[in-house]
Amino acid sequence: MKYRVLGKTGYKVSEISIGTWQLGGKWGEPFDKTIAQNTLSIAVSNGINFFDTADVYKERQSEQFCGNFSKSTNEKVYVATKCGRRLNPHNTEGYNEENIRKFVDDSLKNMEIDTIDLLQLHCPPTAVYYRPMVFDILDSLKDEGKIQNYGVSVERVEEALKAIEFPNVSTVQIIFNVFRQRSSELFFEQAKKKNIGIIVRVPLASGLLTGKFTKDTVFKEGDHRYFNRNGLAFDKGETFSGVDYEIGLKAVEEIKKVFGNPENLAPHALRWILMFDAVSCIIPGASRVSHVKSNIQASYLEPLSNDQMVQIQEIYEKYIKKTVHHLW
């Protein structure tokens, strides 16, 4: 495993890390502690030292499990969590001192820890980024030692650019993959200038970039890939990166050819992301051990050739760019 510095935090984190939205079972399935234990154990044994969770994943069980696991292992593991999505309604006004402090205290209690390595605002409304008082609250929590660092998880590039205007924002979590390339333009450049750690989420476009889906693939009703394709539950861009499913399948077939038609495209799709030095780490989800083993292969693959990078770009422009590039 190779490691990169996570911006201003100074943490040296595994370039392939792990996202835990579906830890212990696929989307829509009950939480399985045995699967979760095995998944995180194999991750750490292969050099992964950064877990990303949130207080809403698996009704707080993911956060609790990550916190407890990090204390039980002899290896140093950084745990990043997120707050804000428990608000109902999820609006700008909810990002106030009372609520944010409660979220932090609840996470500390849930994970049974004294301080949070990295707290991230969980895709708040765009207006939150224009309220300096929100970031003043996070500064106070850092001064008090309840959090070590803070950052934001964003939906749009514009939100990321606004967030990094605040001097103590250390990280930005953002969707970036073969199907969502806009971040690599102005934002990556500005993030590098300001020493911002970039955490890449949804790197496999909700599994579409594994190359294992077909027109006949059936998703369970509790799976966001079933119910959120049109953004009915949350931002559409979180599901298949906002790409039309059937168009995505066509693009995937072309991408496979670039890499010799592998049965599993995932490691190659992740390796493409690692070609960008602004990226600190990638947090592909893993609901079981086999997913972790697949993801970590990316850290051992040779860099893509110039010709491969050009071919990927051409596929993006042919199938994807006109429908998603301007939206996020």
C-alpha atoms as a PDB file:
ATOM      1  CA  MET A   1       0.000   0.000   0.000  1.00  0.00           C
ATOM      2  CA  LYS A   2       1.168   3.515  -0.804  1.00  0.00           C
ATOM      3  CA  TYR A   3       0.417   6.549   1.355  1.00  0.00           C
ATOM      4  CA  ARG A   4      -0.289  10.212   0.690  1.00  0.00           C
ATOM      5  CA  VAL A   5      -0.542  13.210   3.008  1.00  0.00           C
ATOM      6  CA  LEU A   6      -4.109  14.291   3.786  1.00  0.00           C
ATOM      7  CA  GLY A   7      -3.667  18.011   3.353  1.00  0.00           C
ATOM      8  CA  LYS A   8      -3.348  20.188   6.446  1.00  0.00           C
ATOM      9  CA  THR A   9      -4.107  17.280   8.764  1.00  0.00           C
ATOM     10  CA  GLY A  10      -0.607  15.959   8.174  1.00  0.00           C
ATOM     11  CA  TYR A  11      -1.970  12.409   8.357  1.00  0.00           C
ATOM     12  CA  LYS A  12      -0.265   9.907   6.051  1.00  0.00           C
ATOM     13  CA  VAL A  13      -3.217   7.902   4.802  1.00  0.00           C
ATOM     14  CA  SER A  14      -3.498   4.912   2.515  1.00  0.00           C
ATOM     15  CA  GLU A  15      -4.222   6.051  -1.020  1.00  0.00           C
ATOM     16  CA  ILE A  16      -6.874   3.334  -1.146  1.00  0.00           C
ATOM     17  CA  SER A  17      -8.929   3.701   1.998  1.00  0.00           C
ATOM     18  CA  ILE A  18     -12.471   2.607   2.790  1.00  0.00           C
ATOM     19  CA  GLY A  19     -15.934   4.136   2.852  1.00  0.00           C
ATOM     20  CA  THR A  20     -18.397   2.519   5.228  1.00  0.00           C
ATOM     21  CA  TRP A  21     -21.855   3.558   4.047  1.00  0.00           C
ATOM     22  CA  GLN A  22     -22.665  -0.084   3.258  1.00  0.00           C
ATOM     23  CA  LEU A  23     -20.309  -1.668   5.795  1.00  0.00           C
ATOM     24  CA  GLY A  24     -21.630  -4.982   7.111  1.00  0.00           C
ATOM     25  CA  GLY A  25     -24.045  -5.593   4.243  1.00  0.00           C
ATOM     26  CA  LYS A  26     -25.115  -4.107   0.937  1.00  0.00           C
ATOM     27  CA  TRP A  27     -27.428  -1.116   0.697  1.00  0.00           C
ATOM     28  CA  GLY A  28     -30.831  -2.053   2.058  1.00  0.00           C
ATOM     29  CA  GLU A  29     -29.566  -5.046   4.051  1.00  0.00           C
ATOM     30  CA  PRO A  30     -29.361  -5.290   7.870  1.00  0.00           C
ATOM     31  CA  PHE A  31     -26.031  -4.555   9.550  1.00  0.00           C
ATOM     32  CA  ASP A  32     -23.950  -7.713  10.009  1.00  0.00           C
ATOM     33  CA  LYS A  33     -21.223  -7.305  12.647  1.00  0.00           C
ATOM     34  CA  THR A  34     -19.321 -10.391  11.528  1.00  0.00           C
ATOM     35  CA  ILE A  35     -19.077  -9.170   7.950  1.00  0.00           C
ATOM     36  CA  ALA A  36     -18.105  -5.711   9.199  1.00  0.00           C
ATOM     37  CA  GLN A  37     -15.378  -7.147  11.446  1.00  0.00           C
ATOM     38  CA  ASN A  38     -13.920  -9.264   8.663  1.00  0.00           C
ATOM     39  CA  THR A  39     -14.084  -6.400   6.172  1.00  0.00           C
ATOM     40  CA  LEU A  40     -12.240  -3.921   8.385  1.00  0.00           C
ATOM     41  CA  SER A  41      -9.751  -6.546   9.559  1.00  0.00           C
ATOM     42  CA  ILE A  42      -8.698  -7.441   6.029  1.00  0.00           C
ATOM     43  CA  ALA A  43      -8.516  -3.738   5.177  1.00  0.00           C
ATOM     44  CA  VAL A  44      -6.120  -2.957   8.018  1.00  0.00           C
ATOM     45  CA  SER A  45      -4.024  -6.064   7.387  1.00  0.00           C
ATOM     46  CA  ASN A  46      -3.498  -4.788   3.848  1.00  0.00           C
ATOM     47  CA  GLY A  47      -2.346  -1.347   4.964  1.00  0.00           C
ATOM     48  CA  ILE A  48      -5.590   0.640   4.894  1.00  0.00           C
ATOM     49  CA  ASN A  49      -5.506   3.161   7.739  1.00  0.00           C
ATOM     50  CA  PHE A  50      -8.346   5.588   6.978  1.00  0.00           C
ATOM     51  CA  PHE A  51     -12.041   4.866   7.492  1.00  0.00           C
ATOM     52  CA  ASP A  52     -14.779   7.254   6.417  1.00  0.00           C
ATOM     53  CA  THR A  53     -18.117   6.950   8.169  1.00  0.00           C
ATOM     54  CA  ALA A  54     -21.060   9.158   9.176  1.00  0.00           C
ATOM     55  CA  ASP A  55     -23.585   9.417  11.967  1.00  0.00           C
ATOM     56  CA  VAL A  56     -26.396   8.354   9.615  1.00  0.00           C
ATOM     57  CA  TYR A  57     -24.817   5.237   8.108  1.00  0.00           C
ATOM     58  CA  LYS A  58     -26.680   2.073   9.113  1.00  0.00           C
ATOM     59  CA  GLU A  59     -28.554   4.093  11.763  1.00  0.00           C
ATOM     60  CA  ARG A  60     -25.260   4.981  13.517  1.00  0.00           C
ATOM     61  CA  GLN A  61     -24.015   1.384  13.640  1.00  0.00           C
ATOM     62  CA  SER A  62     -21.300   1.993  11.043  1.00  0.00           C
ATOM     63  CA  GLU A  63     -19.879   4.918  13.018  1.00  0.00           C
ATOM     64  CA  GLN A  64     -20.013   2.950  16.254  1.00  0.00           C
ATOM     65  CA  PHE A  65     -18.319  -0.058  14.716  1.00  0.00           C
ATOM     66  CA  CYS A  66     -15.542   2.000  13.079  1.00  0.00           C
ATOM     67  CA  GLY A  67     -14.811   3.791  16.346  1.00  0.00           C
ATOM     68  CA  ASN A  68     -14.676   0.601  18.358  1.00  0.00           C
ATOM     69  CA  PHE A  69     -12.599  -1.211  15.745  1.00  0.00           C
ATOM     70  CA  SER A  70     -10.019   1.581  15.589  1.00  0.00           C
ATOM     71  CA  LYS A  71      -9.456   1.203  19.328  1.00  0.00           C
ATOM     72  CA  SER A  72      -9.176  -2.564  19.168  1.00  0.00           C
ATOM     73  CA  THR A  73      -6.384  -2.773  16.595  1.00  0.00           C
ATOM     74  CA  ASN A  74      -2.681  -2.253  17.223  1.00  0.00           C
ATOM     75  CA  GLU A  75      -2.374  -0.368  13.937  1.00  0.00           C
ATOM     76  CA  LYS A  76      -2.975   3.375  13.779  1.00  0.00           C
ATOM     77  CA  VAL A  77      -6.297   3.988  12.061  1.00  0.00           C
ATOM     78  CA  TYR A  78      -7.769   7.415  11.370  1.00  0.00           C
ATOM     79  CA  VAL A  79     -11.557   7.642  11.505  1.00  0.00           C
ATOM     80  CA  ALA A  80     -13.369  10.467   9.738  1.00  0.00           C
ATOM     81  CA  THR A  81     -17.037  10.979  10.435  1.00  0.00           C
ATOM     82  CA  LYS A  82     -19.659  13.375   9.141  1.00  0.00           C
ATOM     83  CA  CYS A  83     -22.548  15.337  10.588  1.00  0.00           C
ATOM     84  CA  GLY A  84     -25.598  17.241   9.425  1.00  0.00           C
ATOM     85  CA  ARG A  85     -27.744  14.713   7.637  1.00  0.00           C
ATOM     86  CA  ARG A  86     -29.660  13.877  10.806  1.00  0.00           C
ATOM     87  CA  LEU A  87     -31.358  17.249  10.479  1.00  0.00           C
ATOM     88  CA  ASN A  88     -35.014  17.003   9.559  1.00  0.00           C
ATOM     89  CA  PRO A  89     -35.643  19.098   7.634  1.00  0.00           C
ATOM     90  CA  HIS A  90     -32.108  19.231   6.297  1.00  0.00           C
ATOM     91  CA  ASN A  91     -31.817  22.981   5.840  1.00  0.00           C
ATOM     92  CA  THR A  92     -29.316  25.809   6.255  1.00  0.00           C
ATOM     93  CA  GLU A  93     -30.807  27.016   9.532  1.00  0.00           C
ATOM     94  CA  GLY A  94     -30.145  23.624  11.115  1.00  0.00           C
ATOM     95  CA  TYR A  95     -26.397  24.162  10.888  1.00  0.00           C
ATOM     96  CA  ASN A  96     -26.300  26.164  14.109  1.00  0.00           C
ATOM     97  CA  GLU A  97     -24.161  25.894  17.233  1.00  0.00           C
ATOM     98  CA  GLU A  98     -26.646  23.894  19.273  1.00  0.00           C
ATOM     99  CA  ASN A  99     -27.113  21.248  16.611  1.00  0.00           C
ATOM    100  CA  ILE A 100     -23.488  20.964  15.521  1.00  0.00           C
ATOM    101  CA  ARG A 101     -22.296  20.611  19.116  1.00  0.00           C
ATOM    102  CA  LYS A 102     -24.901  17.932  19.748  1.00  0.00           C
ATOM    103  CA  PHE A 103     -23.865  16.044  16.628  1.00  0.00           C
ATOM    104  CA  VAL A 104     -20.231  16.092  17.724  1.00  0.00           C
ATOM    105  CA  ASP A 105     -21.014  15.045  21.282  1.00  0.00           C
ATOM    106  CA  ASP A 106     -23.237  12.239  20.010  1.00  0.00           C
ATOM    107  CA  SER A 107     -20.482  10.977  17.692  1.00  0.00           C
ATOM    108  CA  LEU A 108     -17.896  11.072  20.466  1.00  0.00           C
ATOM    109  CA  LYS A 109     -20.220   9.057  22.661  1.00  0.00           C
ATOM    110  CA  ASN A 110     -21.207   6.664  19.886  1.00  0.00           C
ATOM    111  CA  MET A 111     -17.580   5.889  18.989  1.00  0.00           C
ATOM    112  CA  GLU A 112     -16.481   6.003  22.649  1.00  0.00           C
ATOM    113  CA  ILE A 113     -13.584   8.347  21.932  1.00  0.00           C
ATOM    114  CA  ASP A 114     -12.348  11.667  23.325  1.00  0.00           C
ATOM    115  CA  THR A 115     -11.598  13.442  20.057  1.00  0.00           C
ATOM    116  CA  ILE A 116     -12.530  13.030  16.392  1.00  0.00           C
ATOM    117  CA  ASP A 117      -9.659  12.762  13.892  1.00  0.00           C
ATOM    118  CA  LEU A 118     -11.638  14.479  11.142  1.00  0.00           C
ATOM    119  CA  LEU A 119     -15.171  15.880  11.251  1.00  0.00           C
ATOM    120  CA  GLN A 120     -16.855  16.716   7.965  1.00  0.00           C
ATOM    121  CA  LEU A 121     -20.035  18.627   7.253  1.00  0.00           C
ATOM    122  CA  HIS A 122     -22.193  16.116   5.391  1.00  0.00           C
ATOM    123  CA  CYS A 123     -23.185  17.694   2.077  1.00  0.00           C
ATOM    124  CA  PRO A 124     -24.955  20.702   3.585  1.00  0.00           C
ATOM    125  CA  PRO A 125     -27.076  23.094   1.515  1.00  0.00           C
ATOM    126  CA  THR A 126     -24.994  25.448  -0.614  1.00  0.00           C
ATOM    127  CA  ALA A 127     -25.957  28.449   1.544  1.00  0.00           C
ATOM    128  CA  VAL A 128     -24.079  26.950   4.513  1.00  0.00           C
ATOM    129  CA  TYR A 129     -20.785  27.700   2.765  1.00  0.00           C
ATOM    130  CA  TYR A 130     -21.701  31.382   2.870  1.00  0.00           C
ATOM    131  CA  ARG A 131     -22.196  31.424   6.661  1.00  0.00           C
ATOM    132  CA  PRO A 132     -18.837  32.080   8.373  1.00  0.00           C
ATOM    133  CA  MET A 133     -20.407  31.424  11.770  1.00  0.00           C
ATOM    134  CA  VAL A 134     -20.676  27.715  10.890  1.00  0.00           C
ATOM    135  CA  PHE A 135     -16.930  27.516  10.459  1.00  0.00           C
ATOM    136  CA  ASP A 136     -16.393  29.597  13.602  1.00  0.00           C
ATOM    137  CA  ILE A 137     -18.256  26.880  15.506  1.00  0.00           C
ATOM    138  CA  LEU A 138     -15.954  24.232  14.038  1.00  0.00           C
ATOM    139  CA  ASP A 139     -12.939  26.357  15.026  1.00  0.00           C
ATOM    140  CA  SER A 140     -14.209  26.441  18.613  1.00  0.00           C
ATOM    141  CA  LEU A 141     -14.697  22.676  18.686  1.00  0.00           C
ATOM    142  CA  LYS A 142     -11.153  22.247  17.426  1.00  0.00           C
ATOM    143  CA  ASP A 143      -9.794  24.630  20.077  1.00  0.00           C
ATOM    144  CA  GLU A 144     -11.646  22.615  22.714  1.00  0.00           C
ATOM    145  CA  GLY A 145     -10.065  19.383  21.476  1.00  0.00           C
ATOM    146  CA  LYS A 146     -13.313  17.677  20.547  1.00  0.00           C
ATOM    147  CA  ILE A 147     -12.159  17.504  16.936  1.00  0.00           C
ATOM    148  CA  GLN A 148      -8.618  17.445  15.604  1.00  0.00           C
ATOM    149  CA  ASN A 149      -9.440  18.630  12.088  1.00  0.00           C
ATOM    150  CA  TYR A 150     -12.472  19.514  10.050  1.00  0.00           C
ATOM    151  CA  GLY A 151     -13.506  19.508   6.434  1.00  0.00           C
ATOM    152  CA  VAL A 152     -16.536  19.277   4.189  1.00  0.00           C
ATOM    153  CA  SER A 153     -18.213  16.727   1.985  1.00  0.00           C
ATOM    154  CA  VAL A 154     -19.678  18.462  -1.041  1.00  0.00           C
ATOM    155  CA  GLU A 155     -21.966  17.788  -3.972  1.00  0.00           C
ATOM    156  CA  ARG A 156     -20.679  20.498  -6.304  1.00  0.00           C
ATOM    157  CA  VAL A 157     -17.342  21.922  -7.356  1.00  0.00           C
ATOM    158  CA  GLU A 158     -18.570  25.436  -6.578  1.00  0.00           C
ATOM    159  CA  GLU A 159     -19.196  24.399  -2.963  1.00  0.00           C
ATOM    160  CA  ALA A 160     -15.688  22.977  -2.714  1.00  0.00           C
ATOM    161  CA  LEU A 161     -14.138  26.185  -4.010  1.00  0.00           C
ATOM    162  CA  LYS A 162     -16.141  28.254  -1.540  1.00  0.00           C
ATOM    163  CA  ALA A 163     -15.325  25.959   1.394  1.00  0.00           C
ATOM    164  CA  ILE A 164     -11.566  26.221   0.952  1.00  0.00           C
ATOM    165  CA  GLU A 165     -11.761  29.980   1.373  1.00  0.00           C
ATOM    166  CA  PHE A 166     -12.076  29.261   5.102  1.00  0.00           C
ATOM    167  CA  PRO A 167      -8.499  28.911   6.370  1.00  0.00           C
ATOM    168  CA  ASN A 168      -9.025  25.986   8.753  1.00  0.00           C
ATOM    169  CA  VAL A 169     -10.814  23.714   6.314  1.00  0.00           C
ATOM    170  CA  SER A 170      -8.369  20.816   5.972  1.00  0.00           C
ATOM    171  CA  THR A 171     -10.141  18.460   3.603  1.00  0.00           C
ATOM    172  CA  VAL A 172     -12.790  18.265   0.922  1.00  0.00           C
ATOM    173  CA  GLN A 173     -14.612  15.044   0.123  1.00  0.00           C
ATOM    174  CA  ILE A 174     -15.940  15.059  -3.421  1.00  0.00           C
ATOM    175  CA  ILE A 175     -17.212  12.722  -6.129  1.00  0.00           C
ATOM    176  CA  PHE A 176     -14.533  12.119  -8.742  1.00  0.00           C
ATOM    177  CA  ASN A 177     -14.241   9.269 -11.208  1.00  0.00           C
ATOM    178  CA  VAL A 178     -14.086   8.467 -14.908  1.00  0.00           C
ATOM    179  CA  PHE A 179     -17.708   9.661 -15.176  1.00  0.00           C
ATOM    180  CA  ARG A 180     -17.323  12.803 -13.020  1.00  0.00           C
ATOM    181  CA  GLN A 181     -14.206  14.695 -14.106  1.00  0.00           C
ATOM    182  CA  ARG A 182     -14.988  18.353 -13.520  1.00  0.00           C
ATOM    183  CA  SER A 183     -13.153  18.429 -10.172  1.00  0.00           C
ATOM    184  CA  SER A 184      -9.827  17.917 -11.914  1.00  0.00           C
ATOM    185  CA  GLU A 185     -10.026  21.335 -13.483  1.00  0.00           C
ATOM    186  CA  LEU A 186      -9.939  24.471 -11.321  1.00  0.00           C
ATOM    187  CA  PHE A 187     -10.683  22.821  -7.976  1.00  0.00           C
ATOM    188  CA  PHE A 188      -7.722  20.434  -7.951  1.00  0.00           C
ATOM    189  CA  GLU A 189      -5.411  23.302  -8.825  1.00  0.00           C
ATOM    190  CA  GLN A 190      -6.705  25.506  -6.014  1.00  0.00           C
ATOM    191  CA  ALA A 191      -6.718  22.649  -3.499  1.00  0.00           C
ATOM    192  CA  LYS A 192      -3.046  21.939  -4.146  1.00  0.00           C
ATOM    193  CA  LYS A 193      -2.197  25.618  -3.654  1.00  0.00           C
ATOM    194  CA  LYS A 194      -3.967  25.648  -0.289  1.00  0.00           C
ATOM    195  CA  ASN A 195      -2.772  22.227   0.898  1.00  0.00           C
ATOM    196  CA  ILE A 196      -6.284  20.786   1.003  1.00  0.00           C
ATOM    197  CA  GLY A 197      -6.632  17.042   1.380  1.00  0.00           C
ATOM    198  CA  ILE A 198      -8.929  15.596  -1.272  1.00  0.00           C
ATOM    199  CA  ILE A 199     -10.967  12.537  -0.322  1.00  0.00           C
ATOM    200  CA  VAL A 200     -12.562  10.944  -3.373  1.00  0.00           C
ATOM    201  CA  ARG A 201     -15.921   9.285  -2.842  1.00  0.00           C
ATOM    202  CA  VAL A 202     -18.190   7.334  -5.221  1.00  0.00           C
ATOM    203  CA  PRO A 203     -15.051   6.393  -7.206  1.00  0.00           C
ATOM    204  CA  LEU A 204     -16.777   3.472  -8.919  1.00  0.00           C
ATOM    205  CA  ALA A 205     -20.005   5.324  -9.721  1.00  0.00           C
ATOM    206  CA  SER A 206     -22.063   3.181  -7.330  1.00  0.00           C
ATOM    207  CA  GLY A 207     -20.527   0.028  -8.771  1.00  0.00           C
ATOM    208  CA  LEU A 208     -21.183   0.885 -12.402  1.00  0.00           C
ATOM    209  CA  LEU A 209     -17.427   1.153 -13.035  1.00  0.00           C
ATOM    210  CA  THR A 210     -16.787  -2.364 -11.773  1.00  0.00           C
ATOM    211  CA  GLY A 211     -17.990  -3.542 -15.172  1.00  0.00           C
ATOM    212  CA  LYS A 212     -20.141  -6.219 -13.562  1.00  0.00           C
ATOM    213  CA  PHE A 213     -23.585  -4.724 -14.173  1.00  0.00           C
ATOM    214  CA  THR A 214     -25.843  -5.339 -17.172  1.00  0.00           C
ATOM    215  CA  LYS A 215     -29.246  -4.168 -18.364  1.00  0.00           C
ATOM    216  CA  ASP A 216     -30.687  -7.144 -16.499  1.00  0.00           C
ATOM    217  CA  THR A 217     -29.091  -6.390 -13.127  1.00  0.00           C
ATOM    218  CA  VAL A 218     -31.771  -6.078 -10.435  1.00  0.00           C
ATOM    219  CA  PHE A 219     -31.266  -3.884  -7.353  1.00  0.00           C
ATOM    220  CA  LYS A 220     -33.257  -4.379  -4.150  1.00  0.00           C
ATOM    221  CA  GLU A 221     -35.900  -1.817  -3.214  1.00  0.00           C
ATOM    222  CA  GLY A 222     -33.833  -0.640  -0.217  1.00  0.00           C
ATOM    223  CA  ASP A 223     -30.841   0.055  -2.479  1.00  0.00           C
ATOM    224  CA  HIS A 224     -30.422   3.681  -3.561  1.00  0.00           C
ATOM    225  CA  ARG A 225     -29.514   2.405  -7.028  1.00  0.00           C
ATOM    226  CA  TYR A 226     -33.135   1.277  -7.229  1.00  0.00           C
ATOM    227  CA  PHE A 227     -34.963   4.254  -5.736  1.00  0.00           C
ATOM    228  CA  ASN A 228     -32.720   7.301  -6.269  1.00  0.00           C
ATOM    229  CA  ARG A 229     -31.797   7.284  -9.955  1.00  0.00           C
ATOM    230  CA  ASN A 230     -33.824  10.455 -10.430  1.00  0.00           C
ATOM    231  CA  GLY A 231     -32.800  12.057  -7.148  1.00  0.00           C
ATOM    232  CA  LEU A 232     -36.050  11.327  -5.300  1.00  0.00           C
ATOM    233  CA  ALA A 233     -34.335  10.700  -1.929  1.00  0.00           C
ATOM    234  CA  PHE A 234     -31.137  12.780  -2.137  1.00  0.00           C
ATOM    235  CA  ASP A 235     -28.854  14.345  -4.715  1.00  0.00           C
ATOM    236  CA  LYS A 236     -29.064  12.413  -7.990  1.00  0.00           C
ATOM    237  CA  GLY A 237     -25.307  12.713  -8.413  1.00  0.00           C
ATOM    238  CA  GLU A 238     -24.731  10.260  -5.560  1.00  0.00           C
ATOM    239  CA  THR A 239     -26.307   7.435  -7.588  1.00  0.00           C
ATOM    240  CA  PHE A 240     -24.263   6.223 -10.572  1.00  0.00           C
ATOM    241  CA  SER A 241     -22.592   9.667 -10.385  1.00  0.00           C
ATOM    242  CA  GLY A 242     -25.703  11.111 -12.014  1.00  0.00           C
ATOM    243  CA  VAL A 243     -25.092   9.189 -15.236  1.00  0.00           C
ATOM    244  CA  ASP A 244     -27.989   7.528 -17.065  1.00  0.00           C
ATOM    245  CA  TYR A 245     -27.651   3.820 -16.303  1.00  0.00           C
ATOM    246  CA  GLU A 246     -27.862   2.493 -19.853  1.00  0.00           C
ATOM    247  CA  ILE A 247     -25.534   5.161 -21.232  1.00  0.00           C
ATOM    248  CA  GLY A 248     -23.124   4.305 -18.438  1.00  0.00           C
ATOM    249  CA  LEU A 249     -23.190   0.639 -19.445  1.00  0.00           C
ATOM    250  CA  LYS A 250     -22.232   1.556 -23.018  1.00  0.00           C
ATOM    251  CA  ALA A 251     -19.358   3.719 -21.798  1.00  0.00           C
ATOM    252  CA  VAL A 252     -18.143   0.957 -19.479  1.00  0.00           C
ATOM    253  CA  GLU A 253     -17.887  -1.470 -22.387  1.00  0.00           C
ATOM    254  CA  GLU A 254     -15.641   1.006 -24.183  1.00  0.00           C
ATOM    255  CA  ILE A 255     -13.523   1.578 -21.069  1.00  0.00           C
ATOM    256  CA  LYS A 256     -13.033  -2.173 -20.658  1.00  0.00           C
ATOM    257  CA  LYS A 257     -11.403  -2.302 -24.099  1.00  0.00           C
ATOM    258  CA  VAL A 258      -8.812   0.265 -22.984  1.00  0.00           C
ATOM    259  CA  PHE A 259      -7.618  -2.208 -20.346  1.00  0.00           C
ATOM    260  CA  GLY A 260      -7.883  -5.430 -22.333  1.00  0.00           C
ATOM    261  CA  ASN A 261     -11.444  -6.337 -21.310  1.00  0.00           C
ATOM    262  CA  PRO A 262     -10.795  -7.356 -17.695  1.00  0.00           C
ATOM    263  CA  GLU A 263     -13.523  -9.230 -15.846  1.00  0.00           C
ATOM    264  CA  ASN A 264     -13.190  -6.732 -12.989  1.00  0.00           C
ATOM    265  CA  LEU A 265     -12.773  -3.128 -14.114  1.00  0.00           C
ATOM    266  CA  ALA A 266     -12.708  -1.657 -10.586  1.00  0.00           C
ATOM    267  CA  PRO A 267      -8.936  -1.648  -9.935  1.00  0.00           C
ATOM    268  CA  HIS A 268      -8.307   0.074 -13.261  1.00  0.00           C
ATOM    269  CA  ALA A 269     -10.988   2.703 -12.625  1.00  0.00           C
ATOM    270  CA  LEU A 270      -9.430   3.416  -9.226  1.00  0.00           C
ATOM    271  CA  ARG A 271      -5.927   3.547 -10.717  1.00  0.00           C
ATOM    272  CA  TRP A 272      -7.146   6.219 -13.132  1.00  0.00           C
ATOM    273  CA  ILE A 273      -8.079   8.387 -10.123  1.00  0.00           C
ATOM    274  CA  LEU A 274      -4.650   7.864  -8.560  1.00  0.00           C
ATOM    275  CA  MET A 275      -3.082   9.424 -11.641  1.00  0.00           C
ATOM    276  CA  PHE A 276      -4.097  12.810 -10.175  1.00  0.00           C
ATOM    277  CA  ASP A 277      -1.583  13.898  -7.523  1.00  0.00           C
ATOM    278  CA  ALA A 278      -4.056  16.322  -5.943  1.00  0.00           C
ATOM    279  CA  VAL A 279      -5.976  13.296  -4.654  1.00  0.00           C
ATOM    280  CA  SER A 280      -5.052  12.259  -1.109  1.00  0.00           C
ATOM    281  CA  CYS A 281      -7.094   9.080  -0.868  1.00  0.00           C
ATOM    282  CA  ILE A 282      -9.991   7.207  -2.391  1.00  0.00           C
ATOM    283  CA  ILE A 283     -12.768   5.743  -0.247  1.00  0.00           C
ATOM    284  CA  PRO A 284     -14.502   3.031  -2.276  1.00  0.00           C
ATOM    285  CA  GLY A 285     -17.261   1.349  -0.360  1.00  0.00           C
ATOM    286  CA  ALA A 286     -16.902  -2.233   0.778  1.00  0.00           C
ATOM    287  CA  SER A 287     -19.675  -4.406   2.116  1.00  0.00           C
ATOM    288  CA  ARG A 288     -17.520  -7.516   2.257  1.00  0.00           C
ATOM    289  CA  VAL A 289     -13.927  -8.786   2.178  1.00  0.00           C
ATOM    290  CA  SER A 290     -13.870  -9.454  -1.568  1.00  0.00           C
ATOM    291  CA  HIS A 291     -14.543  -5.768  -2.264  1.00  0.00           C
ATOM    292  CA  VAL A 292     -11.551  -4.701  -0.171  1.00  0.00           C
ATOM    293  CA  LYS A 293      -9.274  -7.176  -1.944  1.00  0.00           C
ATOM    294  CA  SER A 294     -10.443  -5.882  -5.303  1.00  0.00           C
ATOM    295  CA  ASN A 295      -9.977  -2.223  -4.375  1.00  0.00           C
ATOM    296  CA  ILE A 296      -6.449  -2.520  -2.991  1.00  0.00           C
ATOM    297  CA  GLN A 297      -5.224  -3.977  -6.277  1.00  0.00           C
ATOM    298  CA  ALA A 298      -5.310  -0.427  -7.646  1.00  0.00           C
ATOM    299  CA  SER A 299      -2.385   0.601  -5.453  1.00  0.00           C
ATOM    300  CA  TYR A 300      -0.191  -2.040  -7.105  1.00  0.00           C
ATOM    301  CA  LEU A 301      -1.090  -1.461 -10.744  1.00  0.00           C
ATOM    302  CA  GLU A 302       1.274   0.336 -13.109  1.00  0.00           C
ATOM    303  CA  PRO A 303       0.352   3.942 -13.958  1.00  0.00           C
ATOM    304  CA  LEU A 304      -1.859   4.401 -16.986  1.00  0.00           C
ATOM    305  CA  SER A 305      -0.082   5.250 -20.209  1.00  0.00           C
ATOM    306  CA  ASN A 306      -0.614   8.557 -21.982  1.00  0.00           C
ATOM    307  CA  ASP A 307      -2.542   6.690 -24.658  1.00  0.00           C
ATOM    308  CA  GLN A 308      -4.866   5.125 -22.078  1.00  0.00           C
ATOM    309  CA  MET A 309      -5.510   8.487 -20.447  1.00  0.00           C
ATOM    310  CA  VAL A 310      -6.384   9.965 -23.851  1.00  0.00           C
ATOM    311  CA  GLN A 311      -8.737   7.092 -24.653  1.00  0.00           C
ATOM    312  CA  ILE A 312     -10.542   7.479 -21.329  1.00  0.00           C
ATOM    313  CA  GLN A 313     -10.972  11.186 -21.989  1.00  0.00           C
ATOM    314  CA  GLU A 314     -12.394  10.510 -25.432  1.00  0.00           C
ATOM    315  CA  ILE A 315     -14.929   8.048 -23.990  1.00  0.00           C
ATOM    316  CA  TYR A 316     -15.937  10.584 -21.345  1.00  0.00           C
ATOM    317  CA  GLU A 317     -16.492  13.268 -23.950  1.00  0.00           C
ATOM    318  CA  LYS A 318     -18.412  10.931 -26.259  1.00  0.00           C
ATOM    319  CA  TYR A 319     -20.822   9.422 -23.742  1.00  0.00           C
ATOM    320  CA  ILE A 320     -20.827  11.360 -20.492  1.00  0.00           C
ATOM    321  CA  LYS A 321     -19.628  14.956 -20.517  1.00  0.00           C
ATOM    322  CA  LYS A 322     -22.620  16.673 -22.094  1.00  0.00           C
ATOM    323  CA  THR A 323     -25.071  15.203 -19.570  1.00  0.00           C
ATOM    324  CA  VAL A 324     -23.240  15.618 -16.244  1.00  0.00           C
ATOM    325  CA  HIS A 325     -20.190  17.871 -16.496  1.00  0.00           C
ATOM    326  CA  HIS A 326     -22.021  21.157 -15.967  1.00  0.00           C
ATOM    327  CA  LEU A 327     -24.328  19.894 -13.211  1.00  0.00           C
ATOM    328  CA  TRP A 328     -21.878  19.188 -10.402  1.00  0.00           C
END
